[in-house]
Amino acid sequence: MAEEIKAPLAGKVISVLVSQGDSVEEDDEIMVLEAMKMETSVYSTADGKVSEIRVKTGDSVEEDDVLMILE
């Protein structure tokens, strides 16, 4: 079953730390967002394989936007 990883807050994507096809474990850091001049790490919510990355560095996101999907 697919697991959606969503943005914890509105901000700008400053770094994507994984690529499509990578295997990740729960609590691995996968992305960094910037909001109000503070960096916020985004962590995997489950073990799985990255099947889709829906954002890229420089994109603006809103809270609860889907950032990535794990299989």
N, C-alpha and C. Protein backbone atom coordinates (compact mmCIF):
# COMPACT_ATOMS: atom_id res chain seq x y z
N MET A 1 0.84 -1.18 0.00
CA MET A 1 0.00 0.00 0.00
C MET A 1 0.89 1.25 0.00
N ALA A 2 0.50 2.25 -0.77
CA ALA A 2 1.29 3.47 -0.89
C ALA A 2 1.16 4.33 0.37
N GLU A 3 2.24 4.97 0.73
CA GLU A 3 2.29 5.86 1.90
C GLU A 3 2.63 7.26 1.39
N GLU A 4 1.74 8.22 1.62
CA GLU A 4 2.01 9.60 1.22
C GLU A 4 2.76 10.32 2.33
N ILE A 5 3.80 11.03 1.95
CA ILE A 5 4.51 11.88 2.91
C ILE A 5 4.11 13.31 2.59
N LYS A 6 3.55 13.98 3.59
CA LYS A 6 2.99 15.32 3.39
C LYS A 6 3.83 16.38 4.10
N ALA A 7 3.72 17.60 3.60
CA ALA A 7 4.44 18.73 4.20
C ALA A 7 3.88 19.03 5.59
N PRO A 8 4.75 19.14 6.59
CA PRO A 8 4.28 19.44 7.94
C PRO A 8 3.89 20.91 8.12
N LEU A 9 4.34 21.76 7.18
CA LEU A 9 4.04 23.18 7.24
C LEU A 9 4.26 23.80 5.86
N ALA A 10 3.78 25.02 5.69
CA ALA A 10 3.99 25.72 4.42
C ALA A 10 5.44 26.21 4.39
N GLY A 11 6.06 26.16 3.23
CA GLY A 11 7.43 26.61 3.11
C GLY A 11 7.97 26.38 1.71
N LYS A 12 9.29 26.45 1.61
CA LYS A 12 9.98 26.27 0.34
C LYS A 12 10.91 25.06 0.46
N VAL A 13 10.93 24.22 -0.56
CA VAL A 13 11.80 23.05 -0.58
C VAL A 13 13.23 23.54 -0.85
N ILE A 14 14.13 23.29 0.10
CA ILE A 14 15.52 23.70 -0.13
C ILE A 14 16.45 22.52 -0.42
N SER A 15 15.97 21.30 -0.13
CA SER A 15 16.81 20.14 -0.41
C SER A 15 15.96 18.86 -0.43
N VAL A 16 16.16 18.05 -1.47
CA VAL A 16 15.55 16.72 -1.53
C VAL A 16 16.70 15.74 -1.39
N LEU A 17 16.66 14.92 -0.34
CA LEU A 17 17.80 14.09 0.04
C LEU A 17 17.74 12.67 -0.50
N VAL A 18 16.65 12.31 -1.17
CA VAL A 18 16.50 10.96 -1.74
C VAL A 18 16.11 11.09 -3.20
N SER A 19 16.22 9.99 -3.91
CA SER A 19 15.85 9.93 -5.32
C SER A 19 14.80 8.86 -5.52
N GLN A 20 14.09 8.94 -6.64
CA GLN A 20 13.12 7.91 -6.97
C GLN A 20 13.84 6.57 -7.04
N GLY A 21 13.24 5.56 -6.42
CA GLY A 21 13.83 4.22 -6.40
C GLY A 21 14.63 3.92 -5.15
N ASP A 22 14.98 4.96 -4.37
CA ASP A 22 15.73 4.75 -3.13
C ASP A 22 14.87 4.04 -2.09
N SER A 23 15.50 3.21 -1.29
CA SER A 23 14.83 2.60 -0.14
C SER A 23 15.06 3.49 1.08
N VAL A 24 14.01 3.70 1.86
CA VAL A 24 14.12 4.51 3.08
C VAL A 24 13.49 3.75 4.24
N GLU A 25 13.93 4.12 5.43
CA GLU A 25 13.36 3.54 6.64
C GLU A 25 12.61 4.63 7.38
N GLU A 26 11.67 4.22 8.21
CA GLU A 26 10.93 5.18 9.02
C GLU A 26 11.91 6.06 9.80
N ASP A 27 11.65 7.34 9.82
CA ASP A 27 12.45 8.36 10.51
C ASP A 27 13.73 8.76 9.78
N ASP A 28 13.96 8.26 8.55
CA ASP A 28 15.09 8.77 7.75
C ASP A 28 14.75 10.19 7.30
N GLU A 29 15.74 11.09 7.32
CA GLU A 29 15.54 12.44 6.81
C GLU A 29 15.49 12.36 5.29
N ILE A 30 14.43 12.90 4.68
CA ILE A 30 14.28 12.77 3.24
C ILE A 30 14.23 14.11 2.50
N MET A 31 13.97 15.20 3.25
CA MET A 31 13.80 16.49 2.61
C MET A 31 13.98 17.59 3.65
N VAL A 32 14.34 18.80 3.19
CA VAL A 32 14.45 19.94 4.08
C VAL A 32 13.61 21.08 3.50
N LEU A 33 12.75 21.65 4.36
CA LEU A 33 11.93 22.80 3.99
C LEU A 33 12.44 24.02 4.75
N GLU A 34 12.20 25.19 4.17
CA GLU A 34 12.51 26.44 4.86
C GLU A 34 11.22 27.22 5.03
N ALA A 35 10.97 27.67 6.25
CA ALA A 35 9.81 28.50 6.55
C ALA A 35 10.22 29.55 7.57
N MET A 36 9.91 30.78 7.30
CA MET A 36 10.25 31.88 8.20
C MET A 36 11.74 31.86 8.56
N LYS A 37 12.59 31.61 7.56
CA LYS A 37 14.05 31.60 7.69
C LYS A 37 14.57 30.50 8.62
N MET A 38 13.74 29.49 8.87
CA MET A 38 14.17 28.35 9.68
C MET A 38 14.06 27.08 8.84
N GLU A 39 15.05 26.22 8.96
CA GLU A 39 15.03 24.95 8.24
C GLU A 39 14.28 23.90 9.06
N THR A 40 13.44 23.14 8.37
CA THR A 40 12.68 22.06 9.01
C THR A 40 12.91 20.78 8.22
N SER A 41 13.42 19.76 8.89
CA SER A 41 13.63 18.48 8.23
C SER A 41 12.30 17.74 8.11
N VAL A 42 12.16 17.00 7.01
CA VAL A 42 10.99 16.14 6.80
C VAL A 42 11.51 14.70 6.85
N TYR A 43 10.83 13.87 7.62
CA TYR A 43 11.28 12.49 7.83
C TYR A 43 10.29 11.51 7.23
N SER A 44 10.79 10.36 6.81
CA SER A 44 9.93 9.30 6.31
C SER A 44 8.99 8.81 7.42
N THR A 45 7.76 8.58 7.05
CA THR A 45 6.78 8.11 8.03
C THR A 45 6.65 6.59 8.03
N ALA A 46 7.38 5.92 7.14
CA ALA A 46 7.31 4.45 7.06
C ALA A 46 8.54 3.92 6.32
N ASP A 47 8.74 2.62 6.40
CA ASP A 47 9.75 1.96 5.58
C ASP A 47 9.17 1.80 4.18
N GLY A 48 10.01 1.92 3.17
CA GLY A 48 9.52 1.69 1.82
C GLY A 48 10.50 2.15 0.76
N LYS A 49 10.03 2.13 -0.46
CA LYS A 49 10.81 2.53 -1.62
C LYS A 49 10.16 3.79 -2.20
N VAL A 50 10.97 4.79 -2.52
CA VAL A 50 10.44 6.04 -3.07
C VAL A 50 9.93 5.76 -4.49
N SER A 51 8.62 5.87 -4.67
CA SER A 51 8.05 5.60 -5.99
C SER A 51 7.78 6.87 -6.77
N GLU A 52 7.60 7.99 -6.06
CA GLU A 52 7.31 9.25 -6.75
C GLU A 52 7.71 10.42 -5.86
N ILE A 53 8.39 11.39 -6.45
CA ILE A 53 8.72 12.64 -5.76
C ILE A 53 7.96 13.74 -6.49
N ARG A 54 7.08 14.42 -5.77
CA ARG A 54 6.18 15.39 -6.40
C ARG A 54 6.68 16.83 -6.33
N VAL A 55 7.81 17.07 -5.70
CA VAL A 55 8.36 18.43 -5.60
C VAL A 55 9.84 18.41 -5.96
N LYS A 56 10.37 19.59 -6.21
CA LYS A 56 11.80 19.73 -6.48
C LYS A 56 12.33 20.93 -5.71
N THR A 57 13.63 21.04 -5.60
CA THR A 57 14.25 22.16 -4.90
C THR A 57 13.74 23.47 -5.49
N GLY A 58 13.34 24.37 -4.60
CA GLY A 58 12.84 25.67 -5.03
C GLY A 58 11.32 25.78 -5.05
N ASP A 59 10.63 24.64 -5.02
CA ASP A 59 9.16 24.65 -5.03
C ASP A 59 8.62 25.18 -3.69
N SER A 60 7.52 25.90 -3.77
CA SER A 60 6.79 26.31 -2.56
C SER A 60 5.71 25.28 -2.31
N VAL A 61 5.50 24.94 -1.05
CA VAL A 61 4.48 23.96 -0.68
C VAL A 61 3.60 24.52 0.44
N GLU A 62 2.41 24.02 0.51
CA GLU A 62 1.47 24.37 1.58
C GLU A 62 1.40 23.20 2.55
N GLU A 63 0.98 23.46 3.76
CA GLU A 63 0.81 22.41 4.75
C GLU A 63 -0.09 21.31 4.19
N ASP A 64 0.30 20.06 4.38
CA ASP A 64 -0.40 18.86 3.94
C ASP A 64 -0.32 18.58 2.44
N ASP A 65 0.47 19.35 1.67
CA ASP A 65 0.73 18.98 0.27
C ASP A 65 1.50 17.67 0.27
N VAL A 66 1.20 16.80 -0.70
CA VAL A 66 1.94 15.54 -0.82
C VAL A 66 3.30 15.83 -1.44
N LEU A 67 4.36 15.46 -0.72
CA LEU A 67 5.72 15.68 -1.19
C LEU A 67 6.26 14.48 -1.94
N MET A 68 5.91 13.30 -1.45
CA MET A 68 6.50 12.08 -1.98
C MET A 68 5.60 10.90 -1.64
N ILE A 69 5.73 9.84 -2.45
CA ILE A 69 4.95 8.62 -2.22
C ILE A 69 5.92 7.45 -2.10
N LEU A 70 5.70 6.65 -1.07
CA LEU A 70 6.48 5.43 -0.84
C LEU A 70 5.63 4.22 -1.17
N GLU A 71 6.26 3.20 -1.70
CA GLU A 71 5.59 1.90 -1.95
C GLU A 71 6.10 0.89 -0.97
